Amino acid sequence: MTVERVSMTQAAEALVEKLRGRHGPLMFHQSGGCCDGSSPMCYPQNEFRTGNSDVLLGSVADCPVYMSRSQFEYWKHTHLTIDVVPGVGGGFSLEAPEGLRFLIRSRLFTDEEATELAEAGAV
């Protein structure tokens, strides 16, 4: 399958490399809104437990990216791009001390991408 559900901007990737140097392997979990709206939260890889209620969307910059299964039902037709902007979010994500925050930019999959996902059984 060539369609990816998640990608990352170069600016976000540069921040991930900086954070990885401090914290080791990292992972993302797309917040469902409790702490910081719907921001992607960055954690040391084994500090956030995932399970059957989470969906692995893919990997960006060697970081797995997860979302809750219930939230995925709403977002499954959407490509997500992790970006970074100035400001501090209200959550527990590792980038907060940097004066930056990760955010999600989204777009609907094209008809061709949706067909490819459906044919692969990934929708």
C-alpha atoms as a PDB file:
ATOM      1  CA  MET A   1       0.000   0.000   0.000  1.00  0.00           C
ATOM      2  CA  THR A   2       1.394   3.392  -0.950  1.00  0.00           C
ATOM      3  CA  VAL A   3      -1.209   5.559   0.807  1.00  0.00           C
ATOM      4  CA  GLU A   4      -0.013   6.793   4.168  1.00  0.00           C
ATOM      5  CA  ARG A   5      -2.415   7.896   6.881  1.00  0.00           C
ATOM      6  CA  VAL A   6       0.084  10.173   8.588  1.00  0.00           C
ATOM      7  CA  SER A   7       3.072  12.315   7.620  1.00  0.00           C
ATOM      8  CA  MET A   8       5.216  15.003   9.229  1.00  0.00           C
ATOM      9  CA  THR A   9       6.577  18.384   8.165  1.00  0.00           C
ATOM     10  CA  GLN A  10      10.319  19.028   8.115  1.00  0.00           C
ATOM     11  CA  ALA A  11       9.969  21.473  11.027  1.00  0.00           C
ATOM     12  CA  ALA A  12       8.215  18.843  13.133  1.00  0.00           C
ATOM     13  CA  GLU A  13      10.816  16.254  12.180  1.00  0.00           C
ATOM     14  CA  ALA A  14      13.627  18.578  13.294  1.00  0.00           C
ATOM     15  CA  LEU A  15      11.932  19.012  16.669  1.00  0.00           C
ATOM     16  CA  VAL A  16      11.453  15.255  16.994  1.00  0.00           C
ATOM     17  CA  GLU A  17      15.192  14.743  16.436  1.00  0.00           C
ATOM     18  CA  LYS A  18      15.969  17.266  19.188  1.00  0.00           C
ATOM     19  CA  LEU A  19      13.512  15.614  21.582  1.00  0.00           C
ATOM     20  CA  ARG A  20      14.801  12.145  20.716  1.00  0.00           C
ATOM     21  CA  GLY A  21      18.292  13.276  21.714  1.00  0.00           C
ATOM     22  CA  ARG A  22      16.967  14.097  25.190  1.00  0.00           C
ATOM     23  CA  HIS A  23      14.357  11.408  25.731  1.00  0.00           C
ATOM     24  CA  GLY A  24      15.277   8.460  23.510  1.00  0.00           C
ATOM     25  CA  PRO A  25      12.727   6.702  21.278  1.00  0.00           C
ATOM     26  CA  LEU A  26       9.438   8.593  20.947  1.00  0.00           C
ATOM     27  CA  MET A  27       5.830   7.938  19.979  1.00  0.00           C
ATOM     28  CA  PHE A  28       2.747  10.019  19.236  1.00  0.00           C
ATOM     29  CA  HIS A  29      -0.831   9.557  20.339  1.00  0.00           C
ATOM     30  CA  GLN A  30      -3.477  11.755  18.767  1.00  0.00           C
ATOM     31  CA  SER A  31      -5.300  13.366  21.673  1.00  0.00           C
ATOM     32  CA  GLY A  32      -9.030  12.861  21.761  1.00  0.00           C
ATOM     33  CA  GLY A  33      -9.610  16.252  23.329  1.00  0.00           C
ATOM     34  CA  CYS A  34      -9.268  15.773  27.078  1.00  0.00           C
ATOM     35  CA  CYS A  35      -6.012  17.653  27.641  1.00  0.00           C
ATOM     36  CA  ASP A  36      -5.170  19.667  24.570  1.00  0.00           C
ATOM     37  CA  GLY A  37      -7.985  19.688  22.096  1.00  0.00           C
ATOM     38  CA  SER A  38      -7.026  17.254  19.383  1.00  0.00           C
ATOM     39  CA  SER A  39      -3.269  17.762  19.330  1.00  0.00           C
ATOM     40  CA  PRO A  40      -0.762  15.008  18.667  1.00  0.00           C
ATOM     41  CA  MET A  41       0.912  14.264  21.980  1.00  0.00           C
ATOM     42  CA  CYS A  42       4.575  13.212  21.945  1.00  0.00           C
ATOM     43  CA  TYR A  43       5.810  10.847  24.665  1.00  0.00           C
ATOM     44  CA  PRO A  44       8.834   8.663  25.366  1.00  0.00           C
ATOM     45  CA  GLN A  45       7.991   5.456  23.533  1.00  0.00           C
ATOM     46  CA  ASN A  46       7.100   3.291  26.530  1.00  0.00           C
ATOM     47  CA  GLU A  47       5.506   5.916  28.783  1.00  0.00           C
ATOM     48  CA  PHE A  48       2.096   5.875  27.122  1.00  0.00           C
ATOM     49  CA  ARG A  49       0.296   2.559  27.067  1.00  0.00           C
ATOM     50  CA  THR A  50      -1.527   1.574  23.925  1.00  0.00           C
ATOM     51  CA  GLY A  51      -3.782  -1.422  23.543  1.00  0.00           C
ATOM     52  CA  ASN A  52      -6.729  -2.893  21.690  1.00  0.00           C
ATOM     53  CA  SER A  53      -8.572   0.417  21.926  1.00  0.00           C
ATOM     54  CA  ASP A  54      -5.867   2.150  19.830  1.00  0.00           C
ATOM     55  CA  VAL A  55      -5.108   2.097  16.107  1.00  0.00           C
ATOM     56  CA  LEU A  56      -1.569   2.382  14.744  1.00  0.00           C
ATOM     57  CA  LEU A  57      -1.835   4.968  11.951  1.00  0.00           C
ATOM     58  CA  GLY A  58       1.743   4.596  10.783  1.00  0.00           C
ATOM     59  CA  SER A  59       5.202   5.820  11.632  1.00  0.00           C
ATOM     60  CA  VAL A  60       6.835   9.206  11.043  1.00  0.00           C
ATOM     61  CA  ALA A  61      10.481  10.023  11.789  1.00  0.00           C
ATOM     62  CA  ASP A  62      10.780   6.535  13.329  1.00  0.00           C
ATOM     63  CA  CYS A  63       7.936   7.314  15.754  1.00  0.00           C
ATOM     64  CA  PRO A  64       4.780   5.215  15.816  1.00  0.00           C
ATOM     65  CA  VAL A  65       1.578   7.286  15.681  1.00  0.00           C
ATOM     66  CA  TYR A  66      -1.586   6.031  17.401  1.00  0.00           C
ATOM     67  CA  MET A  67      -5.179   7.176  17.776  1.00  0.00           C
ATOM     68  CA  SER A  68      -8.049   5.721  19.784  1.00  0.00           C
ATOM     69  CA  ARG A  69     -10.205   3.314  17.792  1.00  0.00           C
ATOM     70  CA  SER A  70     -13.351   5.367  18.480  1.00  0.00           C
ATOM     71  CA  GLN A  71     -11.684   8.552  17.235  1.00  0.00           C
ATOM     72  CA  PHE A  72     -10.330   6.694  14.206  1.00  0.00           C
ATOM     73  CA  GLU A  73     -13.910   5.976  13.127  1.00  0.00           C
ATOM     74  CA  TYR A  74     -14.376   9.734  12.646  1.00  0.00           C
ATOM     75  CA  TRP A  75     -10.957  10.379  11.089  1.00  0.00           C
ATOM     76  CA  LYS A  76     -10.440   7.245   8.950  1.00  0.00           C
ATOM     77  CA  HIS A  77     -11.132   9.165   5.744  1.00  0.00           C
ATOM     78  CA  THR A  78      -8.510  11.773   6.604  1.00  0.00           C
ATOM     79  CA  HIS A  79      -4.772  12.086   6.030  1.00  0.00           C
ATOM     80  CA  LEU A  80      -3.017  13.669   9.015  1.00  0.00           C
ATOM     81  CA  THR A  81       0.156  15.765   8.906  1.00  0.00           C
ATOM     82  CA  ILE A  82       2.002  16.469  12.156  1.00  0.00           C
ATOM     83  CA  ASP A  83       3.334  20.025  12.159  1.00  0.00           C
ATOM     84  CA  VAL A  84       4.784  22.343  14.794  1.00  0.00           C
ATOM     85  CA  VAL A  85       3.983  25.974  15.580  1.00  0.00           C
ATOM     86  CA  PRO A  86       5.078  28.498  18.223  1.00  0.00           C
ATOM     87  CA  GLY A  87       3.100  28.409  21.455  1.00  0.00           C
ATOM     88  CA  VAL A  88       2.531  26.132  24.391  1.00  0.00           C
ATOM     89  CA  GLY A  89      -0.285  23.625  24.543  1.00  0.00           C
ATOM     90  CA  GLY A  90      -2.116  22.596  27.670  1.00  0.00           C
ATOM     91  CA  GLY A  91      -1.074  18.961  27.620  1.00  0.00           C
ATOM     92  CA  PHE A  92       1.791  16.768  28.695  1.00  0.00           C
ATOM     93  CA  SER A  93       3.562  16.508  25.363  1.00  0.00           C
ATOM     94  CA  LEU A  94       7.384  16.624  25.390  1.00  0.00           C
ATOM     95  CA  GLU A  95       7.707  19.727  23.189  1.00  0.00           C
ATOM     96  CA  ALA A  96       6.012  22.084  25.691  1.00  0.00           C
ATOM     97  CA  PRO A  97       9.271  23.319  27.337  1.00  0.00           C
ATOM     98  CA  GLU A  98      10.537  24.316  23.873  1.00  0.00           C
ATOM     99  CA  GLY A  99       7.831  26.989  23.511  1.00  0.00           C
ATOM    100  CA  LEU A 100       6.425  25.006  20.593  1.00  0.00           C
ATOM    101  CA  ARG A 101       3.484  22.709  20.082  1.00  0.00           C
ATOM    102  CA  PHE A 102       2.707  19.928  17.699  1.00  0.00           C
ATOM    103  CA  LEU A 103      -0.555  20.213  15.798  1.00  0.00           C
ATOM    104  CA  ILE A 104      -2.446  18.244  13.192  1.00  0.00           C
ATOM    105  CA  ARG A 105      -3.215  19.463   9.724  1.00  0.00           C
ATOM    106  CA  SER A 106      -5.709  17.282   7.929  1.00  0.00           C
ATOM    107  CA  ARG A 107      -7.229  16.694   4.533  1.00  0.00           C
ATOM    108  CA  LEU A 108      -9.694  14.165   3.187  1.00  0.00           C
ATOM    109  CA  PHE A 109      -8.229  11.327   1.183  1.00  0.00           C
ATOM    110  CA  THR A 110      -8.689  11.666  -2.550  1.00  0.00           C
ATOM    111  CA  ASP A 111     -11.050   9.198  -4.243  1.00  0.00           C
ATOM    112  CA  GLU A 112      -8.004   7.291  -5.501  1.00  0.00           C
ATOM    113  CA  GLU A 113      -6.439   7.097  -2.036  1.00  0.00           C
ATOM    114  CA  ALA A 114      -9.748   5.995  -0.483  1.00  0.00           C
ATOM    115  CA  THR A 115     -10.094   3.267  -3.131  1.00  0.00           C
ATOM    116  CA  GLU A 116      -6.568   2.031  -2.459  1.00  0.00           C
ATOM    117  CA  LEU A 117      -7.213   1.932   1.301  1.00  0.00           C
ATOM    118  CA  ALA A 118     -10.506   0.104   0.775  1.00  0.00           C
ATOM    119  CA  GLU A 119      -8.905  -2.436  -1.553  1.00  0.00           C
ATOM    120  CA  ALA A 120      -6.206  -3.063   1.046  1.00  0.00           C
ATOM    121  CA  GLY A 121      -8.860  -3.511   3.739  1.00  0.00           C
ATOM    122  CA  ALA A 122      -7.453  -0.533   5.639  1.00  0.00           C
ATOM    123  CA  VAL A 123     -10.660   1.523   5.924  1.00  0.00           C
END
